[in-house]
């Protein structure tokens, strides 16, 4: 049986998967790119990348996408979910320029007093752009659009078999599946 990986799992550990995360209790504590570099050729059947890619700087992103084709078995799939950066930017640009409070980590309304109100610029929208910054790994340093995911599939030689918009906590996300042929 080949491996099924949940990379950047956070506390959301999936049964039947090797859950890999730098900080999550119960997961393999390792950098996800370093983990992939140790995987054998064509040894993985499935990879889940749910809300992790936006946290990877360009160098790590490139290394991850260069490793995937090597470790994926024929017919293996990669499932990706990321914030839709184009949508977030549009929402932010069109949102109300409200008064704001100071950022308060741990407070229910910590996004500068705007909470999850997507009509206010200083709210969860700012967190969608830059991450919620509540711990060292919670910064967004990368972004994804439909076009970028399409280009990544082409660059890696993976086939983009699904690309949809999905709502996640009120945020429009891109939900994609790529397959190794």
Protein backbone atom coordinates (compact mmCIF):
# COMPACT_ATOMS: atom_id res chain seq x y z
CA UNK A 1 0.00 0.00 0.00
CA UNK A 2 1.32 3.40 -0.95
CA UNK A 3 1.41 6.48 1.27
CA UNK A 4 -1.35 9.03 1.65
CA UNK A 5 -0.04 12.37 2.91
CA UNK A 6 -1.76 15.26 4.68
CA UNK A 7 0.94 17.94 4.48
CA UNK A 8 0.74 20.92 6.80
CA UNK A 9 -2.02 19.13 8.66
CA UNK A 10 -2.16 21.42 11.66
CA UNK A 11 -4.37 19.87 14.34
CA UNK A 12 -6.66 18.37 11.64
CA UNK A 13 -5.17 14.87 11.65
CA UNK A 14 -6.73 12.53 9.09
CA UNK A 15 -6.95 8.79 9.80
CA UNK A 16 -5.18 6.65 7.20
CA UNK A 17 -2.85 9.52 6.24
CA UNK A 18 0.67 10.39 7.25
CA UNK A 19 -0.01 13.79 8.84
CA UNK A 20 3.03 16.08 8.60
CA UNK A 21 3.27 19.45 10.36
CA UNK A 22 6.01 21.35 12.17
CA UNK A 23 3.90 22.03 15.26
CA UNK A 24 0.79 19.83 15.41
CA UNK A 25 0.54 17.35 18.24
CA UNK A 26 0.19 13.81 16.86
CA UNK A 27 1.68 14.68 13.45
CA UNK A 28 5.14 13.89 12.12
CA UNK A 29 7.09 16.99 13.23
CA UNK A 30 9.03 17.85 10.12
CA UNK A 31 9.24 20.48 7.40
CA UNK A 32 6.98 19.24 4.59
CA UNK A 33 9.55 19.77 1.83
CA UNK A 34 12.23 17.90 3.79
CA UNK A 35 9.70 15.12 4.36
CA UNK A 36 8.97 14.86 0.62
CA UNK A 37 12.67 14.78 -0.20
CA UNK A 38 12.95 11.60 1.90
CA UNK A 39 10.05 9.86 0.12
CA UNK A 40 10.85 7.15 -2.39
CA UNK A 41 10.15 7.49 -6.09
CA UNK A 42 6.48 6.82 -6.98
CA UNK A 43 5.65 5.90 -3.36
CA UNK A 44 2.68 8.21 -2.75
CA UNK A 45 -0.95 7.72 -3.87
CA UNK A 46 -2.48 10.91 -2.55
CA UNK A 47 -1.38 14.29 -1.18
CA UNK A 48 -3.60 16.80 0.60
CA UNK A 49 -2.43 20.43 0.75
CA UNK A 50 -5.24 22.19 2.58
CA UNK A 51 -4.52 25.82 3.42
CA UNK A 52 -0.76 25.30 3.64
CA UNK A 53 0.59 26.57 0.31
CA UNK A 54 -0.15 30.22 1.11
CA UNK A 55 2.24 29.88 4.09
CA UNK A 56 5.19 28.74 1.95
CA UNK A 57 7.75 31.23 0.65
CA UNK A 58 8.58 30.96 -3.06
CA UNK A 59 11.67 28.80 -2.54
CA UNK A 60 9.73 26.19 -0.50
CA UNK A 61 6.81 26.34 -2.93
CA UNK A 62 9.14 25.62 -5.86
CA UNK A 63 10.87 22.77 -4.01
CA UNK A 64 7.52 21.21 -3.05
CA UNK A 65 6.17 21.28 -6.60
CA UNK A 66 9.44 19.87 -7.96
CA UNK A 67 9.25 16.93 -5.52
CA UNK A 68 5.60 16.02 -6.16
CA UNK A 69 6.02 14.49 -9.64
CA UNK A 70 8.94 12.39 -8.36
CA UNK A 71 7.13 10.89 -5.37
CA UNK A 72 3.67 10.43 -6.92
CA UNK A 73 2.71 7.01 -8.23
CA UNK A 74 0.99 6.88 -11.63
CA UNK A 75 -2.65 7.91 -11.15
CA UNK A 76 -1.89 9.57 -7.79
CA UNK A 77 -3.74 12.77 -6.90
CA UNK A 78 -2.88 16.05 -5.23
CA UNK A 79 -5.74 17.95 -3.59
CA UNK A 80 -5.15 21.66 -3.07
CA UNK A 81 -7.24 24.21 -1.21
CA UNK A 82 -6.03 27.82 -1.00
CA UNK A 83 -7.60 31.27 -0.63
CA UNK A 84 -8.53 32.78 -4.01
CA UNK A 85 -6.16 35.76 -3.97
CA UNK A 86 -7.92 37.53 -6.85
CA UNK A 87 -11.25 37.36 -4.98
CA UNK A 88 -9.70 38.48 -1.67
CA UNK A 89 -8.02 41.48 -3.35
CA UNK A 90 -11.27 42.50 -5.03
CA UNK A 91 -13.20 42.21 -1.75
CA UNK A 92 -10.55 44.20 0.11
CA UNK A 93 -10.46 46.96 -2.52
CA UNK A 94 -14.26 47.28 -2.46
CA UNK A 95 -14.74 46.98 1.32
CA UNK A 96 -15.76 49.84 3.56
CA UNK A 97 -12.83 51.79 5.06
CA UNK A 98 -14.14 51.54 8.61
CA UNK A 99 -12.60 52.69 11.86
CA UNK A 100 -10.46 50.02 13.41
CA UNK A 101 -9.15 48.90 16.75
CA UNK A 102 -5.73 47.53 17.55
CA UNK A 103 -5.07 43.92 16.62
CA UNK A 104 -5.85 41.72 19.64
CA UNK A 105 -4.64 38.09 19.28
CA UNK A 106 -7.00 35.64 20.92
CA UNK A 107 -9.90 38.10 21.06
CA UNK A 108 -13.03 37.00 19.16
CA UNK A 109 -12.84 40.19 17.11
CA UNK A 110 -9.05 40.36 16.79
CA UNK A 111 -8.97 41.41 13.13
CA UNK A 112 -8.74 45.13 13.98
CA UNK A 113 -12.25 45.16 15.40
CA UNK A 114 -13.89 44.07 12.12
CA UNK A 115 -14.20 40.40 13.04
CA UNK A 116 -15.51 38.28 10.19
CA UNK A 117 -17.47 41.13 8.62
CA UNK A 118 -16.35 40.91 4.98
CA UNK A 119 -17.87 44.32 4.22
CA UNK A 120 -15.19 46.03 6.33
CA UNK A 121 -11.65 46.37 5.03
CA UNK A 122 -10.06 46.04 8.50
CA UNK A 123 -11.48 42.62 9.26
CA UNK A 124 -11.00 38.97 8.35
CA UNK A 125 -10.21 40.25 4.84
CA UNK A 126 -6.87 41.56 6.09
CA UNK A 127 -6.22 38.16 7.66
CA UNK A 128 -6.99 36.50 4.32
CA UNK A 129 -4.25 38.58 2.73
CA UNK A 130 -1.58 38.29 5.42
CA UNK A 131 -2.67 35.36 7.62
CA UNK A 132 -4.11 35.66 11.11
CA UNK A 133 -0.59 35.97 12.60
CA UNK A 134 -1.65 34.28 15.84
CA UNK A 135 1.46 32.06 15.91
CA UNK A 136 4.79 31.83 14.04
CA UNK A 137 3.41 29.75 11.14
CA UNK A 138 0.24 31.77 10.63
CA UNK A 139 1.52 34.28 8.07
CA UNK A 140 0.55 34.29 4.40
CA UNK A 141 3.58 34.80 2.20
CA UNK A 142 2.20 33.47 -1.08
CA UNK A 143 -0.99 33.66 -3.10
CA UNK A 144 -2.88 31.64 -5.70
CA UNK A 145 -5.25 32.32 -8.56
CA UNK A 146 -6.88 30.00 -11.08
CA UNK A 147 -4.20 30.96 -13.60
CA UNK A 148 -1.31 30.26 -11.22
CA UNK A 149 -2.65 26.78 -10.34
CA UNK A 150 -3.11 26.04 -14.06
CA UNK A 151 0.49 27.11 -14.73
CA UNK A 152 1.80 25.02 -11.82
CA UNK A 153 0.07 21.94 -13.23
CA UNK A 154 1.65 22.58 -16.61
CA UNK A 155 5.12 23.21 -15.12
CA UNK A 156 5.01 20.01 -13.05
CA UNK A 157 3.55 17.81 -15.78
CA UNK A 158 0.54 17.03 -13.59
CA UNK A 159 -2.93 17.11 -15.11
CA UNK A 160 -5.35 19.61 -13.57
CA UNK A 161 -8.51 17.52 -13.35
CA UNK A 162 -10.65 19.85 -11.21
CA UNK A 163 -10.58 23.55 -10.33
CA UNK A 164 -13.59 24.94 -8.45
CA UNK A 165 -14.49 27.82 -6.15
CA UNK A 166 -15.57 26.81 -2.65
CA UNK A 167 -16.52 28.78 0.42
CA UNK A 168 -14.45 28.21 3.56
CA UNK A 169 -15.40 30.24 6.63
CA UNK A 170 -16.92 32.88 4.33
CA UNK A 171 -13.76 33.06 2.23
CA UNK A 172 -13.75 32.11 -1.44
CA UNK A 173 -11.14 29.42 -1.98
CA UNK A 174 -9.76 27.55 -4.94
CA UNK A 175 -10.21 23.81 -4.65
CA UNK A 176 -8.10 21.91 -7.17
CA UNK A 177 -7.12 18.35 -7.96
CA UNK A 178 -4.07 17.44 -9.98
CA UNK A 179 -3.25 13.94 -11.18
CA UNK A 180 0.00 12.26 -12.07
CA UNK A 181 -0.47 10.50 -15.38
